[in-house]
PDB file of N, CA and C in Angstrom:
ATOM      1  N   UNK A   1     108.548  44.692 118.584  1.00  0.00           N
ATOM      2  CA  UNK A   1     109.361  45.167 117.492  1.00  0.00           C
ATOM      3  C   UNK A   1     108.512  45.894 116.451  1.00  0.00           C
ATOM      4  N   UNK A   2     107.350  45.370 116.124  1.00  0.00           N
ATOM      5  CA  UNK A   2     106.451  45.984 115.160  1.00  0.00           C
ATOM      6  C   UNK A   2     105.978  47.338 115.667  1.00  0.00           C
ATOM      7  N   UNK A   3     105.681  47.422 116.959  1.00  0.00           N
ATOM      8  CA  UNK A   3     105.243  48.673 117.557  1.00  0.00           C
ATOM      9  C   UNK A   3     106.341  49.737 117.464  1.00  0.00           C
ATOM     10  N   UNK A   4     107.587  49.333 117.702  1.00  0.00           N
ATOM     11  CA  UNK A   4     108.721  50.243 117.611  1.00  0.00           C
ATOM     12  C   UNK A   4     108.879  50.761 116.178  1.00  0.00           C
ATOM     13  N   UNK A   5     108.732  49.883 115.200  1.00  0.00           N
ATOM     14  CA  UNK A   5     108.848  50.267 113.789  1.00  0.00           C
ATOM     15  C   UNK A   5     107.742  51.262 113.404  1.00  0.00           C
ATOM     16  N   UNK A   6     106.540  51.002 113.879  1.00  0.00           N
ATOM     17  CA  UNK A   6     105.428  51.920 113.618  1.00  0.00           C
ATOM     18  C   UNK A   6     105.695  53.267 114.274  1.00  0.00           C
ATOM     19  N   UNK A   7     106.238  53.255 115.473  1.00  0.00           N
ATOM     20  CA  UNK A   7     106.572  54.481 116.192  1.00  0.00           C
ATOM     21  C   UNK A   7     107.638  55.287 115.446  1.00  0.00           C
ATOM     22  N   UNK A   8     108.672  54.637 114.946  1.00  0.00           N
ATOM     23  CA  UNK A   8     109.740  55.315 114.202  1.00  0.00           C
ATOM     24  C   UNK A   8     109.181  55.917 112.900  1.00  0.00           C
ATOM     25  N   UNK A   9     108.376  55.144 112.189  1.00  0.00           N
ATOM     26  CA  UNK A   9     107.790  55.637 110.930  1.00  0.00           C
ATOM     27  C   UNK A   9     106.876  56.825 111.206  1.00  0.00           C
ATOM     28  N   UNK A  10     106.096  56.766 112.271  1.00  0.00           N
ATOM     29  CA  UNK A  10     105.216  57.882 112.643  1.00  0.00           C
ATOM     30  C   UNK A  10     106.036  59.123 112.990  1.00  0.00           C
ATOM     31  N   UNK A  11     107.123  58.910 113.726  1.00  0.00           N
ATOM     32  CA  UNK A  11     107.995  60.032 114.092  1.00  0.00           C
ATOM     33  C   UNK A  11     108.605  60.687 112.866  1.00  0.00           C
ATOM     34  N   UNK A  12     109.074  59.872 111.928  1.00  0.00           N
ATOM     35  CA  UNK A  12     109.634  60.415 110.695  1.00  0.00           C
ATOM     36  C   UNK A  12     108.573  61.154 109.882  1.00  0.00           C
ATOM     37  N   UNK A  13     107.369  60.644 109.891  1.00  0.00           N
ATOM     38  CA  UNK A  13     106.266  61.320 109.186  1.00  0.00           C
ATOM     39  C   UNK A  13     105.966  62.683 109.786  1.00  0.00           C
ATOM     40  N   UNK A  14     105.982  62.747 111.120  1.00  0.00           N
ATOM     41  CA  UNK A  14     105.716  64.022 111.803  1.00  0.00           C
ATOM     42  C   UNK A  14     106.821  65.026 111.493  1.00  0.00           C
ATOM     43  N   UNK A  15     108.079  64.570 111.553  1.00  0.00           N
ATOM     44  CA  UNK A  15     109.203  65.460 111.271  1.00  0.00           C
ATOM     45  C   UNK A  15     109.129  65.971 109.833  1.00  0.00           C
ATOM     46  N   UNK A  16     108.826  65.072 108.920  1.00  0.00           N
ATOM     47  CA  UNK A  16     108.726  65.466 107.507  1.00  0.00           C
ATOM     48  C   UNK A  16     107.586  66.458 107.302  1.00  0.00           C
ATOM     49  N   UNK A  17     106.453  66.214 107.915  1.00  0.00           N
ATOM     50  CA  UNK A  17     105.299  67.107 107.770  1.00  0.00           C
ATOM     51  C   UNK A  17     105.602  68.490 108.349  1.00  0.00           C
ATOM     52  N   UNK A  18     106.247  68.556 109.499  1.00  0.00           N
ATOM     53  CA  UNK A  18     106.590  69.850 110.100  1.00  0.00           C
ATOM     54  C   UNK A  18     107.612  70.602 109.249  1.00  0.00           C
ATOM     55  N   UNK A  19     108.574  69.862 108.720  1.00  0.00           N
ATOM     56  CA  UNK A  19     109.578  70.497 107.864  1.00  0.00           C
ATOM     57  C   UNK A  19     108.914  71.090 106.613  1.00  0.00           C
ATOM     58  N   UNK A  20     108.023  70.339 106.028  1.00  0.00           N
ATOM     59  CA  UNK A  20     107.312  70.816 104.834  1.00  0.00           C
ATOM     60  C   UNK A  20     106.441  72.027 105.177  1.00  0.00           C
ATOM     61  N   UNK A  21     105.796  71.998 106.338  1.00  0.00           N
ATOM     62  CA  UNK A  21     104.973  73.124 106.771  1.00  0.00           C
ATOM     63  C   UNK A  21     105.823  74.372 106.959  1.00  0.00           C
ATOM     64  N   UNK A  22     107.010  74.228 107.528  1.00  0.00           N
ATOM     65  CA  UNK A  22     107.913  75.376 107.704  1.00  0.00           C
ATOM     66  C   UNK A  22     108.360  75.927 106.355  1.00  0.00           C
ATOM     67  N   UNK A  23     108.691  75.040 105.428  1.00  0.00           N
ATOM     68  CA  UNK A  23     109.100  75.490 104.096  1.00  0.00           C
ATOM     69  C   UNK A  23     107.974  76.263 103.415  1.00  0.00           C
ATOM     70  N   UNK A  24     106.754  75.748 103.514  1.00  0.00           N
ATOM     71  CA  UNK A  24     105.620  76.420 102.893  1.00  0.00           C
ATOM     72  C   UNK A  24     105.338  77.766 103.557  1.00  0.00           C
ATOM     73  N   UNK A  25     105.480  77.835 104.866  1.00  0.00           N
ATOM     74  CA  UNK A  25     105.272  79.085 105.579  1.00  0.00           C
ATOM     75  C   UNK A  25     106.305  80.125 105.153  1.00  0.00           C
ATOM     76  N   UNK A  26     107.563  79.704 105.037  1.00  0.00           N
ATOM     77  CA  UNK A  26     108.617  80.625 104.610  1.00  0.00           C
ATOM     78  C   UNK A  26     108.361  81.109 103.179  1.00  0.00           C
ATOM     79  N   UNK A  27     107.919  80.216 102.319  1.00  0.00           N
ATOM     80  CA  UNK A  27     107.606  80.608 100.935  1.00  0.00           C
ATOM     81  C   UNK A  27     106.444  81.597 100.909  1.00  0.00           C
ATOM     82  N   UNK A  28     105.450  81.362 101.753  1.00  0.00           N
ATOM     83  CA  UNK A  28     104.312  82.270 101.832  1.00  0.00           C
ATOM     84  C   UNK A  28     104.755  83.656 102.299  1.00  0.00           C
ATOM     85  N   UNK A  29     105.593  83.698 103.319  1.00  0.00           N
ATOM     86  CA  UNK A  29     106.098  84.971 103.828  1.00  0.00           C
ATOM     87  C   UNK A  29     106.875  85.724 102.740  1.00  0.00           C
ATOM     88  N   UNK A  30     107.677  85.004 101.994  1.00  0.00           N
ATOM     89  CA  UNK A  30     108.461  85.609 100.912  1.00  0.00           C
ATOM     90  C   UNK A  30     107.539  86.181  99.846  1.00  0.00           C
ATOM     91  N   UNK A  31     106.514  85.452  99.469  1.00  0.00           N
ATOM     92  CA  UNK A  31     105.577  85.910  98.444  1.00  0.00           C
ATOM     93  C   UNK A  31     104.762  87.102  98.937  1.00  0.00           C
ATOM     94  N   UNK A  32     104.399  87.121 100.208  1.00  0.00           N
ATOM     95  CA  UNK A  32     103.665  88.258 100.754  1.00  0.00           C
ATOM     96  C   UNK A  32     104.532  89.510 100.753  1.00  0.00           C
ATOM     97  N   UNK A  33     105.814  89.365 101.078  1.00  0.00           N
ATOM     98  CA  UNK A  33     106.732  90.508 101.046  1.00  0.00           C
ATOM     99  C   UNK A  33     106.881  91.023  99.613  1.00  0.00           C
ATOM    100  N   UNK A  34     106.964  90.109  98.663  1.00  0.00           N
ATOM    101  CA  UNK A  34     107.074  90.493  97.261  1.00  0.00           C
ATOM    102  C   UNK A  34     105.802  91.202  96.791  1.00  0.00           C
ATOM    103  N   UNK A  35     104.643  90.715  97.208  1.00  0.00           N
ATOM    104  CA  UNK A  35     103.374  91.353  96.854  1.00  0.00           C
ATOM    105  C   UNK A  35     103.306  92.765  97.436  1.00  0.00           C
ATOM    106  N   UNK A  36     103.779  92.937  98.646  1.00  0.00           N
ATOM    107  CA  UNK A  36     103.789  94.259  99.272  1.00  0.00           C
ATOM    108  C   UNK A  36     104.724  95.198  98.509  1.00  0.00           C
ATOM    109  N   UNK A  37     105.862  94.676  98.085  1.00  0.00           N
ATOM    110  CA  UNK A  37     106.825  95.470  97.306  1.00  0.00           C
ATOM    111  C   UNK A  37     106.200  95.891  95.973  1.00  0.00           C
ATOM    112  N   UNK A  38     105.505  94.973  95.309  1.00  0.00           N
ATOM    113  CA  UNK A  38     104.856  95.289  94.045  1.00  0.00           C
ATOM    114  C   UNK A  38     103.750  96.324  94.233  1.00  0.00           C
ATOM    115  N   UNK A  39     103.014  96.226  95.319  1.00  0.00           N
ATOM    116  CA  UNK A  39     101.952  97.198  95.599  1.00  0.00           C
ATOM    117  C   UNK A  39     102.538  98.592  95.810  1.00  0.00           C
ATOM    118  N   UNK A  40     103.649  98.666  96.516  1.00  0.00           N
ATOM    119  CA  UNK A  40     104.314  99.953  96.743  1.00  0.00           C
ATOM    120  C   UNK A  40     104.821 100.524  95.423  1.00  0.00           C
ATOM    121  N   UNK A  41     105.426  99.678  94.606  1.00  0.00           N
ATOM    122  CA  UNK A  41     105.924 100.127  93.302  1.00  0.00           C
ATOM    123  C   UNK A  41     104.776 100.603  92.413  1.00  0.00           C
ATOM    124  N   UNK A  42     103.645  99.890  92.456  1.00  0.00           N
ATOM    125  CA  UNK A  42     102.468 100.280  91.674  1.00  0.00           C
ATOM    126  C   UNK A  42     101.966 101.643  92.116  1.00  0.00           C
ATOM    127  N   UNK A  43     101.894 101.863  93.423  1.00  0.00           N
ATOM    128  CA  UNK A  43     101.440 103.149  93.940  1.00  0.00           C
ATOM    129  C   UNK A  43     102.366 104.280  93.492  1.00  0.00           C
ATOM    130  N   UNK A  44     103.671 104.019  93.520  1.00  0.00           N
ATOM    131  CA  UNK A  44     104.632 105.026  93.078  1.00  0.00           C
ATOM    132  C   UNK A  44     104.469 105.327  91.590  1.00  0.00           C
ATOM    133  N   UNK A  45     104.248 104.293  90.795  1.00  0.00           N
ATOM    134  CA  UNK A  45     104.069 104.494  89.357  1.00  0.00           C
ATOM    135  C   UNK A  45     102.776 105.239  89.054  1.00  0.00           C
ATOM    136  N   UNK A  46     101.712 104.956  89.797  1.00  0.00           N
ATOM    137  CA  UNK A  46     100.455 105.691  89.607  1.00  0.00           C
ATOM    138  C   UNK A  46     100.625 107.166  89.953  1.00  0.00           C
ATOM    139  N   UNK A  47     101.371 107.445  91.012  1.00  0.00           N
ATOM    140  CA  UNK A  47     101.638 108.827  91.397  1.00  0.00           C
ATOM    141  C   UNK A  47     102.459 109.523  90.316  1.00  0.00           C
ATOM    142  N   UNK A  48     103.471 108.836  89.816  1.00  0.00           N
ATOM    143  CA  UNK A  48     104.296 109.402  88.750  1.00  0.00           C
ATOM    144  C   UNK A  48     103.463 109.649  87.486  1.00  0.00           C
ATOM    145  N   UNK A  49     102.588 108.712  87.156  1.00  0.00           N
ATOM    146  CA  UNK A  49     101.734 108.861  85.977  1.00  0.00           C
ATOM    147  C   UNK A  49     100.813 110.062  86.129  1.00  0.00           C
ATOM    148  N   UNK A  50     100.220 110.231  87.303  1.00  0.00           N
ATOM    149  CA  UNK A  50      99.318 111.369  87.503  1.00  0.00           C
ATOM    150  C   UNK A  50     100.085 112.688  87.442  1.00  0.00           C
ATOM    151  N   UNK A  51     101.320 112.684  87.920  1.00  0.00           N
ATOM    152  CA  UNK A  51     102.143 113.892  87.859  1.00  0.00           C
ATOM    153  C   UNK A  51     102.494 114.229  86.418  1.00  0.00           C
ATOM    154  N   UNK A  52     102.880 113.215  85.639  1.00  0.00           N
ATOM    155  CA  UNK A  52     103.274 113.445  84.251  1.00  0.00           C
ATOM    156  C   UNK A  52     102.091 113.848  83.373  1.00  0.00           C
ATOM    157  N   UNK A  53     100.887 113.456  83.738  1.00  0.00           N
ATOM    158  CA  UNK A  53      99.714 113.727  82.919  1.00  0.00           C
ATOM    159  C   UNK A  53      98.957 114.983  83.359  1.00  0.00           C
ATOM    160  N   UNK A  54      99.493 115.732  84.302  1.00  0.00           N
ATOM    161  CA  UNK A  54      98.802 116.939  84.776  1.00  0.00           C
ATOM    162  C   UNK A  54      98.645 117.928  83.618  1.00  0.00           C
ATOM    163  N   UNK A  55      97.486 118.561  83.568  1.00  0.00           N
ATOM    164  CA  UNK A  55      97.156 119.462  82.464  1.00  0.00           C
ATOM    165  C   UNK A  55      98.191 120.588  82.322  1.00  0.00           C
ATOM    166  N   UNK A  56      98.577 121.187  83.432  1.00  0.00           N
ATOM    167  CA  UNK A  56      99.521 122.306  83.378  1.00  0.00           C
ATOM    168  C   UNK A  56     100.868 121.858  82.812  1.00  0.00           C
ATOM    169  N   UNK A  57     101.307 120.681  83.180  1.00  0.00           N
ATOM    170  CA  UNK A  57     102.587 120.177  82.683  1.00  0.00           C
ATOM    171  C   UNK A  57     102.519 119.906  81.187  1.00  0.00           C
ATOM    172  N   UNK A  58     101.435 119.269  80.752  1.00  0.00           N
ATOM    173  CA  UNK A  58     101.264 118.978  79.330  1.00  0.00           C
ATOM    174  C   UNK A  58     101.199 120.281  78.534  1.00  0.00           C
ATOM    175  N   UNK A  59     100.464 121.254  79.038  1.00  0.00           N
ATOM    176  CA  UNK A  59     100.362 122.534  78.348  1.00  0.00           C
ATOM    177  C   UNK A  59     101.716 123.237  78.282  1.00  0.00           C
ATOM    178  N   UNK A  60     102.479 123.184  79.356  1.00  0.00           N
ATOM    179  CA  UNK A  60     103.802 123.804  79.380  1.00  0.00           C
ATOM    180  C   UNK A  60     104.722 123.158  78.346  1.00  0.00           C
ATOM    181  N   UNK A  61     104.720 121.839  78.276  1.00  0.00           N
ATOM    182  CA  UNK A  61     105.557 121.143  77.287  1.00  0.00           C
ATOM    183  C   UNK A  61     105.106 121.489  75.868  1.00  0.00           C
ATOM    184  N   UNK A  62     103.790 121.548  75.658  1.00  0.00           N
ATOM    185  CA  UNK A  62     103.274 121.887  74.334  1.00  0.00           C
ATOM    186  C   UNK A  62     103.727 123.287  73.912  1.00  0.00           C
ATOM    187  N   UNK A  63     103.707 124.225  74.840  1.00  0.00           N
ATOM    188  CA  UNK A  63     104.104 125.605  74.507  1.00  0.00           C
ATOM    189  C   UNK A  63     105.614 125.754  74.346  1.00  0.00           C
ATOM    190  N   UNK A  64     106.390 125.173  75.276  1.00  0.00           N
ATOM    191  CA  UNK A  64     107.834 125.413  75.267  1.00  0.00           C
ATOM    192  C   UNK A  64     108.588 124.503  74.303  1.00  0.00           C
ATOM    193  N   UNK A  65     108.381 123.234  74.389  1.00  0.00           N
ATOM    194  CA  UNK A  65     109.168 122.299  73.573  1.00  0.00           C
ATOM    195  C   UNK A  65     108.603 122.126  72.167  1.00  0.00           C
ATOM    196  N   UNK A  66     107.274 122.091  72.062  1.00  0.00           N
ATOM    197  CA  UNK A  66     106.651 121.838  70.761  1.00  0.00           C
ATOM    198  C   UNK A  66     106.233 123.120  70.051  1.00  0.00           C
ATOM    199  N   UNK A  67     106.391 124.263  70.736  1.00  0.00           N
ATOM    200  CA  UNK A  67     106.054 125.575  70.169  1.00  0.00           C
ATOM    201  C   UNK A  67     104.616 125.639  69.658  1.00  0.00           C
ATOM    202  N   UNK A  68     103.710 125.043  70.394  1.00  0.00           N
ATOM    203  CA  UNK A  68     102.295 125.056  70.020  1.00  0.00           C
ATOM    204  C   UNK A  68     101.630 126.287  70.630  1.00  0.00           C
ATOM    205  N   UNK A  69     100.613 126.801  69.935  1.00  0.00           N
ATOM    206  CA  UNK A  69      99.864 127.959  70.437  1.00  0.00           C
ATOM    207  C   UNK A  69      98.378 127.657  70.323  1.00  0.00           C
ATOM    208  N   UNK A  70      97.589 128.401  71.090  1.00  0.00           N
ATOM    209  CA  UNK A  70      96.143 128.252  71.016  1.00  0.00           C
ATOM    210  C   UNK A  70      95.664 128.861  69.702  1.00  0.00           C
ATOM    211  N   UNK A  71      94.750 128.215  69.011  1.00  0.00           N
ATOM    212  CA  UNK A  71      94.240 128.786  67.762  1.00  0.00           C
ATOM    213  C   UNK A  71      93.347 129.995  68.057  1.00  0.00           C
ATOM    214  N   UNK A  72      93.222 130.853  67.066  1.00  0.00           N
ATOM    215  CA  UNK A  72      92.344 132.020  67.219  1.00  0.00           C
ATOM    216  C   UNK A  72      90.899 131.536  67.317  1.00  0.00           C
ATOM    217  N   UNK A  73      90.070 132.340  67.930  1.00  0.00           N
ATOM    218  CA  UNK A  73      88.668 131.966  68.141  1.00  0.00           C
ATOM    219  C   UNK A  73      87.950 131.732  66.814  1.00  0.00           C
ATOM    220  N   UNK A  74      88.384 132.417  65.774  1.00  0.00           N
ATOM    221  CA  UNK A  74      87.743 132.241  64.463  1.00  0.00           C
ATOM    222  C   UNK A  74      88.098 130.900  63.831  1.00  0.00           C
ATOM    223  N   UNK A  75      89.163 130.282  64.297  1.00  0.00           N
ATOM    224  CA  UNK A  75      89.597 128.989  63.755  1.00  0.00           C
ATOM    225  C   UNK A  75      89.088 127.799  64.564  1.00  0.00           C
ATOM    226  N   UNK A  76      88.264 128.056  65.564  1.00  0.00           N
ATOM    227  CA  UNK A  76      87.758 126.989  66.422  1.00  0.00           C
ATOM    228  C   UNK A  76      86.334 126.659  65.992  1.00  0.00           C
ATOM    229  N   UNK A  77      86.069 125.392  65.772  1.00  0.00           N
ATOM    230  CA  UNK A  77      84.738 124.934  65.399  1.00  0.00           C
ATOM    231  C   UNK A  77      84.224 124.021  66.508  1.00  0.00           C
ATOM    232  N   UNK A  78      83.109 124.376  67.100  1.00  0.00           N
ATOM    233  CA  UNK A  78      82.528 123.593  68.186  1.00  0.00           C
ATOM    234  C   UNK A  78      81.443 122.699  67.601  1.00  0.00           C
ATOM    235  N   UNK A  79      81.550 121.418  67.821  1.00  0.00           N
ATOM    236  CA  UNK A  79      80.567 120.464  67.320  1.00  0.00           C
ATOM    237  C   UNK A  79      79.828 119.888  68.519  1.00  0.00           C
ATOM    238  N   UNK A  80      78.514 120.014  68.510  1.00  0.00           N
ATOM    239  CA  UNK A  80      77.710 119.508  69.609  1.00  0.00           C
ATOM    240  C   UNK A  80      77.073 118.187  69.205  1.00  0.00           C
ATOM    241  N   UNK A  81      77.056 117.219  70.105  1.00  0.00           N
ATOM    242  CA  UNK A  81      76.468 115.914  69.782  1.00  0.00           C
ATOM    243  C   UNK A  81      74.992 116.032  69.428  1.00  0.00           C
ATOM    244  N   UNK A  82      74.577 115.312  68.403  1.00  0.00           N
ATOM    245  CA  UNK A  82      73.176 115.282  68.028  1.00  0.00           C
ATOM    246  C   UNK A  82      72.763 116.384  67.067  1.00  0.00           C
ATOM    247  N   UNK A  83      73.647 117.321  66.784  1.00  0.00           N
ATOM    248  CA  UNK A  83      73.294 118.426  65.897  1.00  0.00           C
ATOM    249  C   UNK A  83      74.068 118.368  64.583  1.00  0.00           C
ATOM    250  N   UNK A  84      74.583 117.213  64.257  1.00  0.00           N
ATOM    251  CA  UNK A  84      75.327 117.054  63.010  1.00  0.00           C
ATOM    252  C   UNK A  84      74.354 116.625  61.922  1.00  0.00           C
ATOM    253  N   UNK A  85      74.389 117.332  60.820  1.00  0.00           N
ATOM    254  CA  UNK A  85      73.511 117.002  59.692  1.00  0.00           C
ATOM    255  C   UNK A  85      74.344 116.478  58.539  1.00  0.00           C
ATOM    256  N   UNK A  86      73.811 115.507  57.846  1.00  0.00           N
ATOM    257  CA  UNK A  86      74.487 114.985  56.648  1.00  0.00           C
ATOM    258  C   UNK A  86      74.186 115.895  55.483  1.00  0.00           C
ATOM    259  N   UNK A  87      75.158 116.120  54.642  1.00  0.00           N
ATOM    260  CA  UNK A  87      74.956 116.991  53.466  1.00  0.00           C
ATOM    261  C   UNK A  87      74.518 116.215  52.280  1.00  0.00           C
TER     262      UNK A  87
END
């Protein structure tokens, strides 16, 4: 009788352990799919960011929407590092 009880308890332990292992595996699969989805979304956002920050696009918006123009050469002051003097 004691042997039978030990056998039943062992069987229940095995079933419980396998069930828990399956649940953990399914959770892992779900999280991996979510991580893959986030990686794809990140890649898309990086591509969109690089497109929006392109020099030609920024310059076009500055000229058309903001009505900005390049300053005349006489209005441009070039400052070189290391050549600034205190007055």
